[in-house]
């Protein structure tokens, strides 16, 4: 087993919270912060800052994450059903 395979195996045995932490640290260590190019990283940074500013000014409202995830799951299930039965 290679070193990287062993590291992955050890990481997979961590709790979900610890795996998320490790994934975040690894992603942040990439030269473009996990984005394909520095330009894409810069564009997303600008968009995130724009959205945070709009939220802080009251121009945007927040959506409950659990409700949003459930909505996406329902939409995905409907989409898959349509694909399976055209």
Protein backbone atom coordinates (compact mmCIF):
# COMPACT_ATOMS: atom_id res chain seq x y z
CA UNK A 1 0.00 0.00 0.00
CA UNK A 2 1.36 3.42 -0.94
CA UNK A 3 1.78 6.19 1.62
CA UNK A 4 -1.09 8.15 0.11
CA UNK A 5 -3.41 5.12 0.15
CA UNK A 6 -2.53 4.55 3.80
CA UNK A 7 -3.21 8.21 4.62
CA UNK A 8 -6.55 8.06 2.84
CA UNK A 9 -7.48 4.88 4.71
CA UNK A 10 -6.59 6.53 8.03
CA UNK A 11 -8.49 9.69 7.12
CA UNK A 12 -11.59 7.68 6.21
CA UNK A 13 -11.64 6.21 9.71
CA UNK A 14 -12.03 9.69 11.23
CA UNK A 15 -15.36 11.14 12.29
CA UNK A 16 -17.24 13.14 9.65
CA UNK A 17 -16.32 16.40 11.40
CA UNK A 18 -12.63 15.47 11.47
CA UNK A 19 -12.72 14.38 7.80
CA UNK A 20 -14.28 17.72 6.89
CA UNK A 21 -11.52 19.53 8.79
CA UNK A 22 -8.78 17.53 7.04
CA UNK A 23 -10.44 18.08 3.66
CA UNK A 24 -10.65 21.82 4.30
CA UNK A 25 -7.00 22.04 5.34
CA UNK A 26 -5.90 20.07 2.28
CA UNK A 27 -8.07 22.12 -0.06
CA UNK A 28 -6.71 25.38 1.34
CA UNK A 29 -3.16 24.11 0.79
CA UNK A 30 -3.70 23.90 -2.97
CA UNK A 31 -2.18 26.77 -4.96
CA UNK A 32 -5.56 28.04 -6.18
CA UNK A 33 -7.48 27.30 -2.98
CA UNK A 34 -9.21 24.35 -4.61
CA UNK A 35 -10.23 26.21 -7.77
CA UNK A 36 -9.06 25.30 -11.27
CA UNK A 37 -7.35 28.66 -11.85
CA UNK A 38 -6.42 31.75 -9.85
CA UNK A 39 -8.90 33.72 -11.98
CA UNK A 40 -11.78 31.44 -10.94
CA UNK A 41 -10.69 31.70 -7.30
CA UNK A 42 -10.64 35.51 -7.57
CA UNK A 43 -14.04 35.59 -9.24
CA UNK A 44 -15.58 33.41 -6.50
CA UNK A 45 -13.95 35.51 -3.79
CA UNK A 46 -15.46 38.66 -5.30
CA UNK A 47 -18.88 36.98 -5.60
CA UNK A 48 -18.78 35.76 -2.00
CA UNK A 49 -17.86 39.24 -0.79
CA UNK A 50 -20.66 40.75 -2.92
CA UNK A 51 -23.22 38.34 -1.45
CA UNK A 52 -22.06 38.88 2.14
CA UNK A 53 -22.28 42.64 1.64
CA UNK A 54 -25.79 42.34 0.18
CA UNK A 55 -26.87 40.15 3.12
CA UNK A 56 -25.37 42.59 5.64
CA UNK A 57 -27.25 45.48 3.97
CA UNK A 58 -30.51 43.50 4.15
CA UNK A 59 -30.75 43.07 0.37
CA UNK A 60 -30.65 39.27 0.60
CA UNK A 61 -32.30 36.91 3.04
CA UNK A 62 -30.94 33.66 4.35
CA UNK A 63 -32.46 30.25 3.66
CA UNK A 64 -32.45 27.45 6.23
CA UNK A 65 -29.82 24.95 5.13
CA UNK A 66 -31.81 21.84 6.05
CA UNK A 67 -34.88 23.12 4.22
CA UNK A 68 -32.75 24.02 1.21
CA UNK A 69 -31.11 20.58 1.14
CA UNK A 70 -34.49 18.87 1.39
CA UNK A 71 -35.80 21.00 -1.47
CA UNK A 72 -32.79 20.04 -3.62
CA UNK A 73 -33.24 16.35 -2.78
CA UNK A 74 -36.88 16.49 -3.81
CA UNK A 75 -36.03 18.25 -7.06
CA UNK A 76 -33.29 15.71 -7.79
CA UNK A 77 -35.66 12.81 -7.11
CA UNK A 78 -38.24 14.30 -9.51
CA UNK A 79 -35.54 14.84 -12.14
CA UNK A 80 -34.29 11.26 -11.81
CA UNK A 81 -37.85 9.94 -12.03
CA UNK A 82 -38.41 11.90 -15.26
CA UNK A 83 -35.11 10.59 -16.68
CA UNK A 84 -36.04 7.01 -15.83
CA UNK A 85 -39.56 7.30 -17.30
CA UNK A 86 -39.39 9.70 -20.27
